[in-house]
Each structure stands twice: as C-alpha cells, then as structure tokens.
Amino acid sequence: MESTKVLDAKGLACPMPIVKTKKAMNDLVSGEVLEIHATDKGAKNDLAAWAKSGGHELVKHEEDGDVLKFWIKKA
C-alpha cells in the first residue's frame, strides 16, 4: 500500500499513538495516506475508532510480528 508519510509509534502506550497520529494527519492533505506502526495492542481499536470519528478511512491494517501497521486515508 502506498503511503504519503510513515509514523513510528512503536513502544508508545495509549494514548500517545493517537496523539501522534492526529498531529501527523494535520500535516497531510485530503486523500493522502498515513502509515502508522505501533506496538500497543490497544491501538487497533483506538485508531479504528479515531479514524471513523474524524471521517477518515482506515484503508488497511495488518500485524507484522509484534508491530501493528495501519493505513489511514485523510478525509
């Protein structure tokens, strides 16, 4: 999946992955994709809920070992 920017949130506990995602999304324009790498298991539900509440699209998510990867398209 093609992403505009990659955010490394590995090792961060809730709510920091969301805080950093929100900040990174502010730097993107509509239609661009942010790729997030996190290790906090809570990020799976948190990022999906955050994207939906903001009108963004969680395009894809996958697990690569201990790393959770998310692709969110900015609304």
PDB file of N, CA and C in Angstrom:
ATOM      1  N   MET A   1       0.849  -1.188   0.000  1.00  0.00           N
ATOM      2  CA  MET A   1       0.000   0.000   0.000  1.00  0.00           C
ATOM      3  C   MET A   1       0.888   1.242   0.000  1.00  0.00           C
ATOM      4  N   GLU A   2       0.582   2.169  -0.838  1.00  0.00           N
ATOM      5  CA  GLU A   2       1.348   3.412  -0.975  1.00  0.00           C
ATOM      6  C   GLU A   2       0.934   4.392   0.120  1.00  0.00           C
ATOM      7  N   SER A   3       1.907   4.913   0.861  1.00  0.00           N
ATOM      8  CA  SER A   3       1.593   5.891   1.899  1.00  0.00           C
ATOM      9  C   SER A   3       2.372   7.178   1.645  1.00  0.00           C
ATOM     10  N   THR A   4       1.790   8.291   2.081  1.00  0.00           N
ATOM     11  CA  THR A   4       2.401   9.598   1.924  1.00  0.00           C
ATOM     12  C   THR A   4       3.452   9.822   3.005  1.00  0.00           C
ATOM     13  N   LYS A   5       3.149   9.337   4.208  1.00  0.00           N
ATOM     14  CA  LYS A   5       4.020   9.562   5.361  1.00  0.00           C
ATOM     15  C   LYS A   5       3.939   8.346   6.275  1.00  0.00           C
ATOM     16  N   VAL A   6       5.050   8.023   6.943  1.00  0.00           N
ATOM     17  CA  VAL A   6       5.085   6.912   7.886  1.00  0.00           C
ATOM     18  C   VAL A   6       5.312   7.466   9.287  1.00  0.00           C
ATOM     19  N   LEU A   7       4.469   7.032  10.235  1.00  0.00           N
ATOM     20  CA  LEU A   7       4.586   7.450  11.629  1.00  0.00           C
ATOM     21  C   LEU A   7       5.039   6.255  12.460  1.00  0.00           C
ATOM     22  N   ASP A   8       6.154   6.403  13.153  1.00  0.00           N
ATOM     23  CA  ASP A   8       6.666   5.343  14.016  1.00  0.00           C
ATOM     24  C   ASP A   8       6.178   5.595  15.440  1.00  0.00           C
ATOM     25  N   ALA A   9       5.172   4.812  15.867  1.00  0.00           N
ATOM     26  CA  ALA A   9       4.626   4.939  17.220  1.00  0.00           C
ATOM     27  C   ALA A   9       4.939   3.687  18.035  1.00  0.00           C
ATOM     28  N   LYS A  10       5.969   2.948  17.609  1.00  0.00           N
ATOM     29  CA  LYS A  10       6.342   1.719  18.311  1.00  0.00           C
ATOM     30  C   LYS A  10       6.873   2.057  19.705  1.00  0.00           C
ATOM     31  N   GLY A  11       6.462   1.249  20.683  1.00  0.00           N
ATOM     32  CA  GLY A  11       6.925   1.451  22.049  1.00  0.00           C
ATOM     33  C   GLY A  11       6.129   2.472  22.834  1.00  0.00           C
ATOM     34  N   LEU A  12       5.192   3.125  22.189  1.00  0.00           N
ATOM     35  CA  LEU A  12       4.380   4.136  22.874  1.00  0.00           C
ATOM     36  C   LEU A  12       3.095   3.506  23.405  1.00  0.00           C
ATOM     37  N   ALA A  13       2.718   3.890  24.625  1.00  0.00           N
ATOM     38  CA  ALA A  13       1.489   3.392  25.226  1.00  0.00           C
ATOM     39  C   ALA A  13       0.353   4.381  24.971  1.00  0.00           C
ATOM     40  N   CYS A  14      -0.862   3.878  25.032  1.00  0.00           N
ATOM     41  CA  CYS A  14      -2.061   4.694  24.857  1.00  0.00           C
ATOM     42  C   CYS A  14      -1.998   5.866  25.835  1.00  0.00           C
ATOM     43  N   PRO A  15      -2.333   7.069  25.473  1.00  0.00           N
ATOM     44  CA  PRO A  15      -2.947   7.488  24.204  1.00  0.00           C
ATOM     45  C   PRO A  15      -1.961   8.048  23.187  1.00  0.00           C
ATOM     46  N   MET A  16      -0.660   7.880  23.407  1.00  0.00           N
ATOM     47  CA  MET A  16       0.332   8.536  22.546  1.00  0.00           C
ATOM     48  C   MET A  16       0.240   8.164  21.058  1.00  0.00           C
ATOM     49  N   PRO A  17      -0.036   6.908  20.679  1.00  0.00           N
ATOM     50  CA  PRO A  17      -0.170   6.629  19.240  1.00  0.00           C
ATOM     51  C   PRO A  17      -1.267   7.488  18.584  1.00  0.00           C
ATOM     52  N   ILE A  18      -2.377   7.700  19.306  1.00  0.00           N
ATOM     53  CA  ILE A  18      -3.471   8.533  18.781  1.00  0.00           C
ATOM     54  C   ILE A  18      -3.040   9.997  18.704  1.00  0.00           C
ATOM     55  N   VAL A  19      -2.386  10.473  19.747  1.00  0.00           N
ATOM     56  CA  VAL A  19      -1.933  11.879  19.781  1.00  0.00           C
ATOM     57  C   VAL A  19      -0.985  12.151  18.615  1.00  0.00           C
ATOM     58  N   LYS A  20      -0.032  11.252  18.407  1.00  0.00           N
ATOM     59  CA  LYS A  20       0.934  11.437  17.313  1.00  0.00           C
ATOM     60  C   LYS A  20       0.271  11.277  15.944  1.00  0.00           C
ATOM     61  N   THR A  21      -0.700  10.360  15.844  1.00  0.00           N
ATOM     62  CA  THR A  21      -1.436  10.175  14.583  1.00  0.00           C
ATOM     63  C   THR A  21      -2.204  11.446  14.229  1.00  0.00           C
ATOM     64  N   LYS A  22      -2.882  12.010  15.217  1.00  0.00           N
ATOM     65  CA  LYS A  22      -3.656  13.239  14.990  1.00  0.00           C
ATOM     66  C   LYS A  22      -2.751  14.363  14.497  1.00  0.00           C
ATOM     67  N   LYS A  23      -1.598  14.501  15.147  1.00  0.00           N
ATOM     68  CA  LYS A  23      -0.641  15.554  14.764  1.00  0.00           C
ATOM     69  C   LYS A  23      -0.134  15.325  13.337  1.00  0.00           C
ATOM     70  N   ALA A  24       0.210  14.074  13.006  1.00  0.00           N
ATOM     71  CA  ALA A  24       0.726  13.760  11.673  1.00  0.00           C
ATOM     72  C   ALA A  24      -0.342  13.974  10.603  1.00  0.00           C
ATOM     73  N   MET A  25      -1.591  13.656  10.928  1.00  0.00           N
ATOM     74  CA  MET A  25      -2.685  13.826   9.960  1.00  0.00           C
ATOM     75  C   MET A  25      -2.892  15.303   9.618  1.00  0.00           C
ATOM     76  N   ASN A  26      -2.609  16.182  10.575  1.00  0.00           N
ATOM     77  CA  ASN A  26      -2.757  17.618  10.331  1.00  0.00           C
ATOM     78  C   ASN A  26      -1.804  18.115   9.250  1.00  0.00           C
ATOM     79  N   ASP A  27      -0.713  17.377   9.022  1.00  0.00           N
ATOM     80  CA  ASP A  27       0.275  17.777   8.014  1.00  0.00           C
ATOM     81  C   ASP A  27      -0.073  17.271   6.615  1.00  0.00           C
ATOM     82  N   LEU A  28      -1.095  16.403   6.528  1.00  0.00           N
ATOM     83  CA  LEU A  28      -1.477  15.828   5.227  1.00  0.00           C
ATOM     84  C   LEU A  28      -2.644  16.584   4.627  1.00  0.00           C
ATOM     85  N   VAL A  29      -2.814  16.429   3.320  1.00  0.00           N
ATOM     86  CA  VAL A  29      -3.978  16.995   2.657  1.00  0.00           C
ATOM     87  C   VAL A  29      -4.961  15.859   2.373  1.00  0.00           C
ATOM     88  N   SER A  30      -6.191  16.228   2.126  1.00  0.00           N
ATOM     89  CA  SER A  30      -7.248  15.248   1.886  1.00  0.00           C
ATOM     90  C   SER A  30      -6.854  14.243   0.805  1.00  0.00           C
ATOM     91  N   GLY A  31      -7.074  12.958   1.104  1.00  0.00           N
ATOM     92  CA  GLY A  31      -6.767  11.907   0.138  1.00  0.00           C
ATOM     93  C   GLY A  31      -5.401  11.264   0.334  1.00  0.00           C
ATOM     94  N   GLU A  32      -4.524  11.920   1.109  1.00  0.00           N
ATOM     95  CA  GLU A  32      -3.217  11.330   1.369  1.00  0.00           C
ATOM     96  C   GLU A  32      -3.337  10.255   2.451  1.00  0.00           C
ATOM     97  N   VAL A  33      -2.377   9.322   2.452  1.00  0.00           N
ATOM     98  CA  VAL A  33      -2.436   8.182   3.364  1.00  0.00           C
ATOM     99  C   VAL A  33      -1.286   8.219   4.368  1.00  0.00           C
ATOM    100  N   LEU A  34      -1.649   8.055   5.652  1.00  0.00           N
ATOM    101  CA  LEU A  34      -0.665   7.977   6.725  1.00  0.00           C
ATOM    102  C   LEU A  34      -0.515   6.515   7.126  1.00  0.00           C
ATOM    103  N   GLU A  35       0.723   6.042   7.153  1.00  0.00           N
ATOM    104  CA  GLU A  35       1.021   4.678   7.599  1.00  0.00           C
ATOM    105  C   GLU A  35       1.540   4.768   9.027  1.00  0.00           C
ATOM    106  N   ILE A  36       0.902   4.028   9.938  1.00  0.00           N
ATOM    107  CA  ILE A  36       1.276   4.068  11.342  1.00  0.00           C
ATOM    108  C   ILE A  36       1.788   2.701  11.772  1.00  0.00           C
ATOM    109  N   HIS A  37       2.919   2.676  12.480  1.00  0.00           N
ATOM    110  CA  HIS A  37       3.472   1.445  13.050  1.00  0.00           C
ATOM    111  C   HIS A  37       3.382   1.585  14.564  1.00  0.00           C
ATOM    112  N   ALA A  38       2.683   0.654  15.220  1.00  0.00           N
ATOM    113  CA  ALA A  38       2.509   0.709  16.674  1.00  0.00           C
ATOM    114  C   ALA A  38       2.703  -0.679  17.278  1.00  0.00           C
ATOM    115  N   THR A  39       3.041  -0.706  18.564  1.00  0.00           N
ATOM    116  CA  THR A  39       3.179  -1.988  19.256  1.00  0.00           C
ATOM    117  C   THR A  39       2.146  -2.137  20.370  1.00  0.00           C
ATOM    118  N   ASP A  40       1.435  -1.072  20.696  1.00  0.00           N
ATOM    119  CA  ASP A  40       0.402  -1.109  21.733  1.00  0.00           C
ATOM    120  C   ASP A  40      -0.835  -1.805  21.169  1.00  0.00           C
ATOM    121  N   LYS A  41      -1.213  -2.944  21.767  1.00  0.00           N
ATOM    122  CA  LYS A  41      -2.351  -3.723  21.263  1.00  0.00           C
ATOM    123  C   LYS A  41      -3.650  -2.911  21.266  1.00  0.00           C
ATOM    124  N   GLY A  42      -3.757  -1.937  22.157  1.00  0.00           N
ATOM    125  CA  GLY A  42      -4.946  -1.100  22.226  1.00  0.00           C
ATOM    126  C   GLY A  42      -5.083  -0.187  21.015  1.00  0.00           C
ATOM    127  N   ALA A  43      -3.998   0.006  20.297  1.00  0.00           N
ATOM    128  CA  ALA A  43      -4.029   0.903  19.132  1.00  0.00           C
ATOM    129  C   ALA A  43      -4.976   0.398  18.059  1.00  0.00           C
ATOM    130  N   LYS A  44      -5.169  -0.922  17.999  1.00  0.00           N
ATOM    131  CA  LYS A  44      -6.040  -1.499  16.972  1.00  0.00           C
ATOM    132  C   LYS A  44      -7.448  -0.903  17.052  1.00  0.00           C
ATOM    133  N   ASN A  45      -8.051  -0.968  18.240  1.00  0.00           N
ATOM    134  CA  ASN A  45      -9.392  -0.411  18.418  1.00  0.00           C
ATOM    135  C   ASN A  45      -9.372   1.106  18.446  1.00  0.00           C
ATOM    136  N   ASP A  46      -8.358   1.672  19.093  1.00  0.00           N
ATOM    137  CA  ASP A  46      -8.280   3.128  19.236  1.00  0.00           C
ATOM    138  C   ASP A  46      -8.167   3.835  17.886  1.00  0.00           C
ATOM    139  N   LEU A  47      -7.266   3.344  17.026  1.00  0.00           N
ATOM    140  CA  LEU A  47      -7.070   4.002  15.729  1.00  0.00           C
ATOM    141  C   LEU A  47      -8.282   3.827  14.817  1.00  0.00           C
ATOM    142  N   ALA A  48      -8.916   2.658  14.872  1.00  0.00           N
ATOM    143  CA  ALA A  48     -10.115   2.437  14.055  1.00  0.00           C
ATOM    144  C   ALA A  48     -11.232   3.390  14.481  1.00  0.00           C
ATOM    145  N   ALA A  49     -11.434   3.523  15.788  1.00  0.00           N
ATOM    146  CA  ALA A  49     -12.473   4.422  16.311  1.00  0.00           C
ATOM    147  C   ALA A  49     -12.141   5.879  16.020  1.00  0.00           C
ATOM    148  N   TRP A  50     -10.856   6.248  16.183  1.00  0.00           N
ATOM    149  CA  TRP A  50     -10.445   7.630  15.934  1.00  0.00           C
ATOM    150  C   TRP A  50     -10.646   7.999  14.466  1.00  0.00           C
ATOM    151  N   ALA A  51     -10.256   7.111  13.565  1.00  0.00           N
ATOM    152  CA  ALA A  51     -10.398   7.380  12.129  1.00  0.00           C
ATOM    153  C   ALA A  51     -11.867   7.572  11.769  1.00  0.00           C
ATOM    154  N   LYS A  52     -12.714   6.682  12.290  1.00  0.00           N
ATOM    155  CA  LYS A  52     -14.148   6.761  11.989  1.00  0.00           C
ATOM    156  C   LYS A  52     -14.741   8.062  12.524  1.00  0.00           C
ATOM    157  N   SER A  53     -14.395   8.436  13.753  1.00  0.00           N
ATOM    158  CA  SER A  53     -14.953   9.647  14.364  1.00  0.00           C
ATOM    159  C   SER A  53     -14.521  10.902  13.622  1.00  0.00           C
ATOM    160  N   GLY A  54     -13.337  10.842  12.983  1.00  0.00           N
ATOM    161  CA  GLY A  54     -12.840  12.010  12.255  1.00  0.00           C
ATOM    162  C   GLY A  54     -13.228  12.010  10.791  1.00  0.00           C
ATOM    163  N   GLY A  55     -13.958  10.969  10.370  1.00  0.00           N
ATOM    164  CA  GLY A  55     -14.376  10.888   8.975  1.00  0.00           C
ATOM    165  C   GLY A  55     -13.294  10.357   8.053  1.00  0.00           C
ATOM    166  N   HIS A  56     -12.184   9.884   8.630  1.00  0.00           N
ATOM    167  CA  HIS A  56     -11.090   9.330   7.837  1.00  0.00           C
ATOM    168  C   HIS A  56     -11.381   7.867   7.521  1.00  0.00           C
ATOM    169  N   GLU A  57     -10.654   7.298   6.587  1.00  0.00           N
ATOM    170  CA  GLU A  57     -10.866   5.911   6.195  1.00  0.00           C
ATOM    171  C   GLU A  57      -9.680   5.051   6.611  1.00  0.00           C
ATOM    172  N   LEU A  58      -9.962   4.042   7.455  1.00  0.00           N
ATOM    173  CA  LEU A  58      -8.938   3.053   7.797  1.00  0.00           C
ATOM    174  C   LEU A  58      -8.904   2.092   6.618  1.00  0.00           C
ATOM    175  N   VAL A  59      -7.944   2.317   5.726  1.00  0.00           N
ATOM    176  CA  VAL A  59      -7.877   1.578   4.466  1.00  0.00           C
ATOM    177  C   VAL A  59      -7.476   0.129   4.710  1.00  0.00           C
ATOM    178  N   LYS A  60      -6.485  -0.061   5.605  1.00  0.00           N
ATOM    179  CA  LYS A  60      -5.946  -1.398   5.803  1.00  0.00           C
ATOM    180  C   LYS A  60      -5.232  -1.458   7.141  1.00  0.00           C
ATOM    181  N   HIS A  61      -5.214  -2.642   7.746  1.00  0.00           N
ATOM    182  CA  HIS A  61      -4.345  -2.860   8.909  1.00  0.00           C
ATOM    183  C   HIS A  61      -3.861  -4.296   8.875  1.00  0.00           C
ATOM    184  N   GLU A  62      -2.657  -4.489   9.369  1.00  0.00           N
ATOM    185  CA  GLU A  62      -2.086  -5.833   9.387  1.00  0.00           C
ATOM    186  C   GLU A  62      -1.123  -5.946  10.558  1.00  0.00           C
ATOM    187  N   GLU A  63      -0.832  -7.181  10.950  1.00  0.00           N
ATOM    188  CA  GLU A  63       0.135  -7.424  12.010  1.00  0.00           C
ATOM    189  C   GLU A  63       1.384  -8.025  11.392  1.00  0.00           C
ATOM    190  N   ASP A  64       2.529  -7.460  11.744  1.00  0.00           N
ATOM    191  CA  ASP A  64       3.816  -7.948  11.262  1.00  0.00           C
ATOM    192  C   ASP A  64       4.650  -8.272  12.499  1.00  0.00           C
ATOM    193  N   GLY A  65       4.494  -9.496  13.008  1.00  0.00           N
ATOM    194  CA  GLY A  65       5.135  -9.852  14.271  1.00  0.00           C
ATOM    195  C   GLY A  65       4.467  -9.092  15.398  1.00  0.00           C
ATOM    196  N   ASP A  66       5.255  -8.330  16.161  1.00  0.00           N
ATOM    197  CA  ASP A  66       4.705  -7.535  17.266  1.00  0.00           C
ATOM    198  C   ASP A  66       4.230  -6.161  16.818  1.00  0.00           C
ATOM    199  N   VAL A  67       4.459  -5.833  15.561  1.00  0.00           N
ATOM    200  CA  VAL A  67       4.128  -4.495  15.068  1.00  0.00           C
ATOM    201  C   VAL A  67       2.776  -4.489  14.353  1.00  0.00           C
ATOM    202  N   LEU A  68       1.922  -3.567  14.784  1.00  0.00           N
ATOM    203  CA  LEU A  68       0.630  -3.362  14.131  1.00  0.00           C
ATOM    204  C   LEU A  68       0.826  -2.239  13.122  1.00  0.00           C
ATOM    205  N   LYS A  69       0.367  -2.469  11.903  1.00  0.00           N
ATOM    206  CA  LYS A  69       0.503  -1.455  10.855  1.00  0.00           C
ATOM    207  C   LYS A  69      -0.881  -1.026  10.394  1.00  0.00           C
ATOM    208  N   PHE A  70      -1.046   0.279  10.261  1.00  0.00           N
ATOM    209  CA  PHE A  70      -2.326   0.856   9.849  1.00  0.00           C
ATOM    210  C   PHE A  70      -2.095   1.839   8.720  1.00  0.00           C
ATOM    211  N   TRP A  71      -3.055   1.893   7.804  1.00  0.00           N
ATOM    212  CA  TRP A  71      -3.037   2.880   6.731  1.00  0.00           C
ATOM    213  C   TRP A  71      -4.345   3.649   6.823  1.00  0.00           C
ATOM    214  N   ILE A  72      -4.257   4.952   7.085  1.00  0.00           N
ATOM    215  CA  ILE A  72      -5.450   5.790   7.224  1.00  0.00           C
ATOM    216  C   ILE A  72      -5.419   6.889   6.171  1.00  0.00           C
ATOM    217  N   LYS A  73      -6.502   6.943   5.389  1.00  0.00           N
ATOM    218  CA  LYS A  73      -6.627   7.974   4.347  1.00  0.00           C
ATOM    219  C   LYS A  73      -7.339   9.178   4.937  1.00  0.00           C
ATOM    220  N   LYS A  74      -6.744  10.344   4.779  1.00  0.00           N
ATOM    221  CA  LYS A  74      -7.322  11.573   5.328  1.00  0.00           C
ATOM    222  C   LYS A  74      -8.584  11.968   4.559  1.00  0.00           C
ATOM    223  N   ALA A  75      -9.585  12.367   5.331  1.00  0.00           N
ATOM    224  CA  ALA A  75     -10.860  12.788   4.731  1.00  0.00           C
ATOM    225  C   ALA A  75     -10.712  14.121   4.032  1.00  0.00           C
TER     226      ALA A  75
END
